[in-house]
Amino acid sequence: MQMKRRDFITTSAGFMAFVAAPGVFSVDYQSDSPKRTKFRDYRKNKSLGKVQIVTPDDGFYLHTFYDVCPFSPSQKLLAVNKIPFQGKAVKYGDLCDVCIVDLENETIEKVYSTKGWGYQLGANLNWGKTDRYLYTNDIIGDDAVCVRIDLETKEIKAFAGPMYHIAPDESAVVGFPLDMINATQMGYGVPAFRKCDGTVGSPADQGLWRTDLKTNKKTLLVSIQDVYQKAKDKEFLNDGNGYLFHSKFNPQGTRILQVVRYLFPENSAKEGRNPMLYAFNSDGSDVHQAITRVQWSLRGNHPNWHPDGERIVMNLTPAWLGDNEMRFCIFHHTGKDFRILSKKFLGSGHPSLTPDSSYLLSDYYAKEYKKLGLTESPIRLIDLNTEKEESICSVFTDLDVESNTFRIDPHPAWSRDFKKVCFNGAPNGVRQVFVADLSNVLG
């Protein structure tokens, strides 16, 4: 039986939800009081800038992702996830705590608990345009949807659609169904909570959903059929099933980049995820392919908007340019003006740039730094003007886990003024969140 909007329902975390406005649920939830937490200096006098562990040693913490700023708009607060365990599969019913770290007063406050989380993004915490609202996901009724936490009133509201990313002006969220993301990779959506058949072919009625945060109207912004039609090798994709993965607004809110993947369960000759990169206007118009399946297949990962909102930064192996190593690359969102940022450095991890393109920030996967003979991941800071690389510090991430899904990556993320960096690490094998202050380093 389908739940009607006037009915009371129970969220996945066991809290009562009731209608607050047409199509909007308000959730009855009591947050905790802020608790003191002593920030700990990390390798003082051995790091670049001042590095501190800002989460307590009472559990397992992570921030969201390298391209989702965990710092609030005022930069006084930090949004972090506290997960209940590490090293085993997430099941429906396991709770992740949404926490706020006060960077000035050194406190931490649990403001919500959700069952909508995974190891890589946690509960996918996105700030609104002020310090008042924080957005996450939860499983309410029979769907995984966006939830808004009012940090002033403690009111919780759940919306009609899923969130992978929020528009910079807080007007809308976009997302592919969060349980269907699991079809191509675990850890970035929510745990399985219902029967999910997946996609068949390139459907016109499934794809990227947009939920207006004022009207709560959920609409299909771009379908899988839309991106299929713009593929440069449609014939290859004909017998495949299309899925969407990363969806990201640019900082100006004018465009969205979209990772698309195709699986071929009936064709063993077409293995892997077959990723491609698209971009389109935030209203769903002007869909175009920026990186083809063939270009990405040579090895690459982690497309990310340049702060100018016009270009995209990404790890790619540009063999078509005669370079067979993975490099930090940059190109226009149309795929034009492609170039290697530096031929001196190998690409790795999760790259991002400062607005003036002077500094590149990244990290390493454990398998990458172990190949280099290292025991920890350096947090890479590369001056692209001088082609000099420094390590902010290095952090242990090589947890003894049975599945790659359970891994921890640093995911270094810039603060809004590009003077600080937030990242994950696991000193003594326990996940913690770090903040590096580079104010005296970057000027």
Foldseek 3Di string as FASTA:
>chain_A
DDDDQQDWFAFLQGWIWGHPDVQKIKTDDDKFDWDAADWAWDPPPPFQFTKTFLDHPPAFKFAFFLQAFQQFLVSQKGWMKGFHDFFDDQARNGKIFIWIAGNVRSIIIGLDIAQKFFQRGGQVWHYALGPQWIKGWHGIDHAIFIKIAGPVVSIIMTFDHHALDAQRNRFKGKDFGQPLLVVAPTGRTGHDDDDDPHFFAFDPQGDMWIAGPVVSDIDDQAGSVNLLVQAPCNVVRRQWGKDWHHWDAANVRFKIKTKMFTDHPPDPVDDHGLIFIWMATNSNPDIHTQGHSVFCVLDWDAWHDANVRFKIWIFTQPVVVVGSFTATWMAGNNNPPIDGLDPVDGDAAHWYADNVRQKIWGKHDCVVVVVVVDQWIFGWIAGSVVRDIDGSGTAHFPAPHPDPSSTADFNWYAHPVRQKIKTWHQVVHHITIMMGGNNVPVD
